[in-house]
Amino acid sequence: MPIIVNLDVVLAQRKMRLNTLAELVDITPQNLSVLKSGRAKAIRFDTLEKICHVLQCQPGDILAFDGEVSANSPDDAS
C-alpha cells in the first residue's frame, strides 16, 4: 500500500501509549491499532484532527505517501 502510517513513531517520540491516545481521542484502542498497523482503509478527518491535536503534530507526521510504482501499476510499460 502506498500510504505509510507512522503513528507508532510519533507515539514513541511523545512517549505516549496507544491506549492513552485512544482515550484522549475517544476512539477504541482496537480501531486505533488497526490504523497504527496500516490495515485501515480510511480515516475520518475529524479523527485525524483529534489525533494531531493530542499529539501536537501535522497529518504528514503520521501519514506518508510511498510513491514507488508497483509491479502491477498501469504505468508499468512491460
N, C-alpha and C. Protein backbone atom coordinates (compact mmCIF):
# COMPACT_ATOMS: atom_id res chain seq x y z
N MET A 1 0.85 -1.18 0.00
CA MET A 1 0.00 0.00 0.00
C MET A 1 0.89 1.24 0.00
N PRO A 2 0.59 2.21 -0.82
CA PRO A 2 1.46 3.38 -0.93
C PRO A 2 1.35 4.37 0.24
N ILE A 3 0.36 4.23 1.11
CA ILE A 3 0.25 5.12 2.27
C ILE A 3 0.91 4.42 3.46
N ILE A 4 1.88 5.09 4.06
CA ILE A 4 2.61 4.57 5.21
C ILE A 4 2.10 5.29 6.45
N VAL A 5 1.76 4.53 7.49
CA VAL A 5 1.28 5.10 8.74
C VAL A 5 2.42 5.08 9.75
N ASN A 6 2.82 6.26 10.21
CA ASN A 6 3.92 6.39 11.17
C ASN A 6 3.42 6.74 12.57
N LEU A 7 2.22 6.30 12.90
CA LEU A 7 1.64 6.62 14.19
C LEU A 7 2.49 6.06 15.33
N ASP A 8 3.03 4.87 15.15
CA ASP A 8 3.86 4.28 16.20
C ASP A 8 5.11 5.11 16.47
N VAL A 9 5.68 5.70 15.42
CA VAL A 9 6.87 6.54 15.57
C VAL A 9 6.53 7.80 16.36
N VAL A 10 5.41 8.45 16.00
CA VAL A 10 5.01 9.67 16.69
C VAL A 10 4.65 9.37 18.15
N LEU A 11 3.99 8.25 18.39
CA LEU A 11 3.67 7.87 19.77
C LEU A 11 4.95 7.66 20.57
N ALA A 12 5.93 7.00 19.99
CA ALA A 12 7.20 6.77 20.69
C ALA A 12 7.92 8.09 20.98
N GLN A 13 7.90 9.00 20.01
CA GLN A 13 8.54 10.31 20.21
C GLN A 13 7.87 11.08 21.34
N ARG A 14 6.56 10.91 21.49
CA ARG A 14 5.82 11.62 22.53
C ARG A 14 5.77 10.83 23.84
N LYS A 15 6.34 9.62 23.81
CA LYS A 15 6.32 8.72 24.98
C LYS A 15 4.88 8.51 25.46
N MET A 16 4.02 8.22 24.51
CA MET A 16 2.61 8.01 24.81
C MET A 16 2.21 6.61 24.38
N ARG A 17 1.36 6.00 25.16
CA ARG A 17 0.85 4.66 24.83
C ARG A 17 -0.39 4.77 23.94
N LEU A 18 -0.61 3.73 23.17
CA LEU A 18 -1.76 3.68 22.27
C LEU A 18 -3.07 3.82 23.04
N ASN A 19 -3.18 3.15 24.18
CA ASN A 19 -4.41 3.22 24.96
C ASN A 19 -4.67 4.62 25.49
N THR A 20 -3.62 5.34 25.84
CA THR A 20 -3.78 6.71 26.31
C THR A 20 -4.29 7.60 25.18
N LEU A 21 -3.70 7.45 24.00
CA LEU A 21 -4.16 8.23 22.84
C LEU A 21 -5.61 7.88 22.52
N ALA A 22 -5.95 6.61 22.55
CA ALA A 22 -7.32 6.19 22.25
C ALA A 22 -8.31 6.85 23.20
N GLU A 23 -7.96 6.91 24.47
CA GLU A 23 -8.84 7.53 25.45
C GLU A 23 -8.98 9.03 25.20
N LEU A 24 -7.88 9.69 24.91
CA LEU A 24 -7.90 11.14 24.69
C LEU A 24 -8.63 11.53 23.39
N VAL A 25 -8.58 10.65 22.40
CA VAL A 25 -9.21 10.92 21.10
C VAL A 25 -10.65 10.41 21.07
N ASP A 26 -11.00 9.59 22.05
CA ASP A 26 -12.32 8.97 22.13
C ASP A 26 -12.56 8.03 20.95
N ILE A 27 -11.63 7.11 20.79
CA ILE A 27 -11.71 6.06 19.78
C ILE A 27 -11.32 4.76 20.48
N THR A 28 -11.82 3.64 20.02
CA THR A 28 -11.47 2.39 20.68
C THR A 28 -10.01 2.06 20.40
N PRO A 29 -9.33 1.45 21.38
CA PRO A 29 -7.95 1.03 21.14
C PRO A 29 -7.82 0.08 19.95
N GLN A 30 -8.84 -0.74 19.71
CA GLN A 30 -8.81 -1.67 18.58
C GLN A 30 -8.80 -0.92 17.26
N ASN A 31 -9.63 0.10 17.13
CA ASN A 31 -9.66 0.87 15.88
C ASN A 31 -8.37 1.65 15.68
N LEU A 32 -7.81 2.18 16.76
CA LEU A 32 -6.54 2.89 16.67
C LEU A 32 -5.42 1.93 16.30
N SER A 33 -5.49 0.72 16.81
CA SER A 33 -4.49 -0.30 16.47
C SER A 33 -4.55 -0.67 14.99
N VAL A 34 -5.75 -0.74 14.44
CA VAL A 34 -5.92 -1.02 13.00
C VAL A 34 -5.26 0.09 12.19
N LEU A 35 -5.45 1.33 12.61
CA LEU A 35 -4.81 2.46 11.93
C LEU A 35 -3.29 2.38 12.07
N LYS A 36 -2.82 2.14 13.28
CA LYS A 36 -1.39 2.10 13.55
C LYS A 36 -0.68 1.02 12.73
N SER A 37 -1.35 -0.11 12.55
CA SER A 37 -0.74 -1.22 11.83
C SER A 37 -0.80 -1.04 10.31
N GLY A 38 -1.51 -0.01 9.83
CA GLY A 38 -1.61 0.23 8.40
C GLY A 38 -2.71 -0.58 7.73
N ARG A 39 -3.57 -1.23 8.51
CA ARG A 39 -4.64 -2.05 7.94
C ARG A 39 -5.93 -1.26 7.72
N ALA A 40 -5.97 0.00 8.16
CA ALA A 40 -7.19 0.80 8.00
C ALA A 40 -7.38 1.16 6.53
N LYS A 41 -8.61 1.15 6.09
CA LYS A 41 -8.95 1.52 4.71
C LYS A 41 -9.27 3.00 4.60
N ALA A 42 -9.60 3.64 5.73
CA ALA A 42 -9.97 5.04 5.72
C ALA A 42 -9.82 5.60 7.13
N ILE A 43 -9.76 6.93 7.20
CA ILE A 43 -9.78 7.63 8.48
C ILE A 43 -10.59 8.89 8.30
N ARG A 44 -11.44 9.16 9.26
CA ARG A 44 -12.26 10.37 9.20
C ARG A 44 -11.38 11.57 9.51
N PHE A 45 -11.64 12.68 8.83
CA PHE A 45 -10.84 13.88 9.06
C PHE A 45 -10.96 14.37 10.51
N ASP A 46 -12.14 14.24 11.11
CA ASP A 46 -12.27 14.70 12.49
C ASP A 46 -11.44 13.83 13.44
N THR A 47 -11.31 12.54 13.14
CA THR A 47 -10.46 11.66 13.95
C THR A 47 -8.99 12.03 13.76
N LEU A 48 -8.59 12.27 12.52
CA LEU A 48 -7.23 12.68 12.24
C LEU A 48 -6.92 14.01 12.93
N GLU A 49 -7.87 14.92 12.91
CA GLU A 49 -7.71 16.21 13.56
C GLU A 49 -7.49 16.03 15.07
N LYS A 50 -8.28 15.18 15.70
CA LYS A 50 -8.14 14.93 17.14
C LYS A 50 -6.78 14.31 17.46
N ILE A 51 -6.36 13.35 16.64
CA ILE A 51 -5.06 12.70 16.86
C ILE A 51 -3.95 13.74 16.76
N CYS A 52 -4.00 14.57 15.73
CA CYS A 52 -2.98 15.61 15.55
C CYS A 52 -2.99 16.61 16.70
N HIS A 53 -4.18 16.95 17.18
CA HIS A 53 -4.28 17.89 18.30
C HIS A 53 -3.64 17.31 19.56
N VAL A 54 -3.97 16.07 19.88
CA VAL A 54 -3.43 15.43 21.08
C VAL A 54 -1.92 15.24 20.97
N LEU A 55 -1.46 14.81 19.80
CA LEU A 55 -0.02 14.54 19.62
C LEU A 55 0.77 15.79 19.24
N GLN A 56 0.07 16.92 19.04
CA GLN A 56 0.74 18.16 18.65
C GLN A 56 1.62 17.94 17.42
N CYS A 57 0.99 17.43 16.35
CA CYS A 57 1.73 17.12 15.13
C CYS A 57 0.88 17.49 13.92
N GLN A 58 1.44 17.32 12.76
CA GLN A 58 0.76 17.55 11.49
C GLN A 58 0.35 16.20 10.90
N PRO A 59 -0.69 16.16 10.05
CA PRO A 59 -1.08 14.90 9.42
C PRO A 59 0.08 14.22 8.69
N GLY A 60 0.98 15.02 8.11
CA GLY A 60 2.13 14.46 7.41
C GLY A 60 3.14 13.80 8.32
N ASP A 61 3.05 14.07 9.63
CA ASP A 61 3.91 13.37 10.59
C ASP A 61 3.42 11.96 10.81
N ILE A 62 2.13 11.74 10.59
CA ILE A 62 1.51 10.44 10.83
C ILE A 62 1.38 9.63 9.54
N LEU A 63 1.06 10.30 8.45
CA LEU A 63 0.82 9.63 7.17
C LEU A 63 1.86 10.07 6.14
N ALA A 64 2.36 9.11 5.39
CA ALA A 64 3.32 9.42 4.32
C ALA A 64 2.92 8.65 3.07
N PHE A 65 3.29 9.18 1.93
CA PHE A 65 3.00 8.54 0.64
C PHE A 65 4.27 7.95 0.09
N ASP A 66 4.23 6.65 -0.21
CA ASP A 66 5.36 5.97 -0.84
C ASP A 66 5.06 5.95 -2.34
N GLY A 67 5.73 6.80 -3.08
CA GLY A 67 5.42 6.99 -4.49
C GLY A 67 6.03 5.97 -5.43
N GLU A 68 6.62 4.91 -4.92
CA GLU A 68 7.18 3.89 -5.81
C GLU A 68 6.09 3.26 -6.64
N VAL A 69 6.36 3.04 -7.89
CA VAL A 69 5.42 2.38 -8.78
C VAL A 69 5.54 0.88 -8.56
N SER A 70 4.42 0.24 -8.27
CA SER A 70 4.44 -1.20 -8.03
C SER A 70 4.47 -1.96 -9.36
N ALA A 71 4.75 -3.24 -9.29
CA ALA A 71 4.83 -4.08 -10.48
C ALA A 71 3.48 -4.19 -11.18
N ASN A 72 2.39 -4.01 -10.44
CA ASN A 72 1.05 -4.14 -11.01
C ASN A 72 0.46 -2.80 -11.44
N SER A 73 1.27 -1.77 -11.42
CA SER A 73 0.79 -0.44 -11.75
C SER A 73 0.49 -0.32 -13.24
N PRO A 74 -0.56 0.42 -13.62
CA PRO A 74 -0.86 0.63 -15.03
C PRO A 74 0.24 1.41 -15.74
N ASP A 75 1.10 2.12 -14.99
CA ASP A 75 2.19 2.87 -15.58
C ASP A 75 3.35 1.98 -15.99
N ASP A 76 3.31 0.71 -15.58
CA ASP A 76 4.39 -0.23 -15.88
C ASP A 76 4.34 -0.56 -17.37
N ALA A 77 5.41 -0.24 -18.09
CA ALA A 77 5.44 -0.37 -19.55
C ALA A 77 5.74 -1.78 -20.04
N SER A 78 6.03 -2.72 -19.15
CA SER A 78 6.40 -4.08 -19.61
C SER A 78 5.24 -4.94 -19.98
